[in-house]
Amino acid sequence: MGNRAIVFDETDELPVDELKYCILLALRYHRVKHLPLLGV
């Protein structure tokens, strides 16, 4: 399995809400990936 990254320019302001959503999706996937149909 490959690595994943979100890359930001150090001079840009972080998109906090979008970053929170990405983290939420990653954690949710980790919790349900073993379920049939990925928990759908």
Protein backbone atom coordinates (compact mmCIF):
# COMPACT_ATOMS: atom_id res chain seq x y z
CA MET A 1 0.00 0.00 0.00
CA GLY A 2 1.33 3.42 -0.87
CA ASN A 3 1.73 6.49 1.27
CA ARG A 4 -0.59 9.43 1.08
CA ALA A 5 0.08 13.08 1.74
CA ILE A 6 -1.57 16.45 1.69
CA VAL A 7 1.01 19.05 0.78
CA PHE A 8 0.64 22.73 1.65
CA ASP A 9 2.78 25.70 0.77
CA GLU A 10 4.30 27.01 4.00
CA THR A 11 3.23 30.57 3.19
CA ASP A 12 -0.43 29.70 2.65
CA GLU A 13 -3.05 29.69 5.37
CA LEU A 14 -4.17 26.16 6.28
CA PRO A 15 -7.70 25.27 5.17
CA VAL A 16 -8.66 24.01 8.65
CA ASP A 17 -12.22 22.88 7.90
CA GLU A 18 -11.17 20.97 4.80
CA LEU A 19 -8.25 19.40 6.65
CA LYS A 20 -10.55 18.28 9.48
CA TYR A 21 -12.84 16.66 6.92
CA CYS A 22 -9.96 14.79 5.28
CA ILE A 23 -8.83 13.47 8.67
CA LEU A 24 -12.40 12.45 9.53
CA LEU A 25 -12.73 10.49 6.28
CA ALA A 26 -9.39 8.76 6.81
CA LEU A 27 -10.29 7.71 10.35
CA ARG A 28 -13.76 6.57 9.30
CA TYR A 29 -12.28 4.48 6.48
CA HIS A 30 -9.82 2.91 8.90
CA ARG A 31 -12.75 1.93 11.15
CA VAL A 32 -14.96 0.40 8.42
CA LYS A 33 -12.53 -0.94 5.80
CA HIS A 34 -13.02 -4.53 6.95
CA LEU A 35 -16.82 -4.38 6.57
CA PRO A 36 -18.63 -5.62 3.44
CA LEU A 37 -19.15 -2.74 1.00
CA LEU A 38 -16.86 -0.59 3.22
CA GLY A 39 -19.69 -0.08 5.70
CA VAL A 40 -22.11 1.42 3.18
